[in-house]
Amino acid sequence: MNRLRSAPWLPLFDGPAGPGAVARLAAEAEKAGWGIR
């Protein structure tokens, strides 16, 4: 079973709340190893 061990918490509002910004943030986090393992 895959479990998320830790994750960053970022309040998403104003500019960072746009769907494109959230998708880019998620992609960068995945590349950096923050994905579910």
N, C-alpha and C. Protein backbone atom coordinates (compact mmCIF):
# COMPACT_ATOMS: atom_id res chain seq x y z
N MET A 1 0.84 -1.17 0.00
CA MET A 1 0.00 0.00 0.00
C MET A 1 0.89 1.24 0.00
N ASN A 2 0.58 2.20 -0.85
CA ASN A 2 1.33 3.46 -0.89
C ASN A 2 0.77 4.42 0.15
N ARG A 3 1.66 5.04 0.89
CA ARG A 3 1.22 6.03 1.88
C ARG A 3 2.08 7.26 1.77
N LEU A 4 1.44 8.39 1.89
CA LEU A 4 2.16 9.66 1.87
C LEU A 4 2.79 9.86 3.24
N ARG A 5 4.10 10.00 3.28
CA ARG A 5 4.81 10.14 4.55
C ARG A 5 4.83 11.57 5.05
N SER A 6 4.98 12.50 4.14
CA SER A 6 4.98 13.91 4.51
C SER A 6 4.63 14.73 3.28
N ALA A 7 4.20 15.94 3.51
CA ALA A 7 3.82 16.79 2.38
C ALA A 7 3.92 18.25 2.80
N PRO A 8 4.25 19.09 1.86
CA PRO A 8 4.25 20.53 2.17
C PRO A 8 2.81 21.04 2.21
N TRP A 9 2.55 21.98 3.07
CA TRP A 9 1.23 22.61 3.10
C TRP A 9 1.41 24.05 2.66
N LEU A 10 0.73 24.41 1.61
CA LEU A 10 0.80 25.77 1.10
C LEU A 10 -0.61 26.30 0.93
N PRO A 11 -0.91 27.44 1.54
CA PRO A 11 -2.24 28.01 1.32
C PRO A 11 -2.33 28.51 -0.13
N LEU A 12 -3.31 28.02 -0.86
CA LEU A 12 -3.45 28.38 -2.26
C LEU A 12 -4.55 29.43 -2.42
N PHE A 13 -4.14 30.66 -2.57
CA PHE A 13 -5.09 31.75 -2.81
C PHE A 13 -4.42 32.81 -3.66
N ASP A 14 -5.19 33.70 -4.21
CA ASP A 14 -4.72 34.74 -5.14
C ASP A 14 -4.01 34.10 -6.33
N GLY A 15 -2.81 34.55 -6.66
CA GLY A 15 -2.08 34.05 -7.82
C GLY A 15 -1.80 32.57 -7.80
N PRO A 16 -1.31 32.01 -6.68
CA PRO A 16 -0.99 30.58 -6.64
C PRO A 16 -2.20 29.67 -6.75
N ALA A 17 -3.42 30.21 -6.65
CA ALA A 17 -4.61 29.36 -6.66
C ALA A 17 -5.05 28.99 -8.07
N GLY A 18 -4.46 29.60 -9.09
CA GLY A 18 -4.86 29.26 -10.46
C GLY A 18 -4.55 27.81 -10.78
N PRO A 19 -5.40 27.16 -11.57
CA PRO A 19 -5.18 25.74 -11.87
C PRO A 19 -3.83 25.45 -12.52
N GLY A 20 -3.37 26.34 -13.36
CA GLY A 20 -2.06 26.14 -13.99
C GLY A 20 -0.94 26.20 -12.98
N ALA A 21 -1.02 27.15 -12.05
CA ALA A 21 0.01 27.28 -11.02
C ALA A 21 0.03 26.06 -10.10
N VAL A 22 -1.16 25.58 -9.74
CA VAL A 22 -1.24 24.40 -8.88
C VAL A 22 -0.67 23.18 -9.60
N ALA A 23 -0.97 23.03 -10.88
CA ALA A 23 -0.45 21.90 -11.66
C ALA A 23 1.07 21.96 -11.77
N ARG A 24 1.62 23.16 -12.00
CA ARG A 24 3.08 23.31 -12.07
C ARG A 24 3.71 22.98 -10.73
N LEU A 25 3.12 23.45 -9.65
CA LEU A 25 3.63 23.17 -8.31
C LEU A 25 3.63 21.66 -8.05
N ALA A 26 2.54 20.99 -8.41
CA ALA A 26 2.45 19.54 -8.22
C ALA A 26 3.50 18.81 -9.05
N ALA A 27 3.70 19.24 -10.28
CA ALA A 27 4.70 18.60 -11.15
C ALA A 27 6.10 18.78 -10.59
N GLU A 28 6.41 19.98 -10.13
CA GLU A 28 7.74 20.23 -9.55
C GLU A 28 7.94 19.42 -8.27
N ALA A 29 6.90 19.32 -7.44
CA ALA A 29 6.99 18.53 -6.21
C ALA A 29 7.23 17.06 -6.54
N GLU A 30 6.55 16.56 -7.56
CA GLU A 30 6.73 15.16 -7.96
C GLU A 30 8.16 14.92 -8.44
N LYS A 31 8.70 15.83 -9.23
CA LYS A 31 10.08 15.71 -9.71
C LYS A 31 11.08 15.73 -8.56
N ALA A 32 10.76 16.50 -7.52
CA ALA A 32 11.66 16.63 -6.38
C ALA A 32 11.53 15.46 -5.39
N GLY A 33 10.63 14.53 -5.68
CA GLY A 33 10.50 13.36 -4.81
C GLY A 33 9.43 13.46 -3.76
N TRP A 34 8.51 14.42 -3.89
CA TRP A 34 7.44 14.57 -2.91
C TRP A 34 6.21 13.74 -3.24
N GLY A 35 6.30 12.86 -4.22
CA GLY A 35 5.15 12.05 -4.62
C GLY A 35 4.90 10.91 -3.65
N ILE A 36 3.79 10.25 -3.86
CA ILE A 36 3.44 9.08 -3.05
C ILE A 36 4.30 7.91 -3.50
N ARG A 37 4.87 7.19 -2.56
CA ARG A 37 5.75 6.06 -2.87
C ARG A 37 5.16 4.78 -2.38
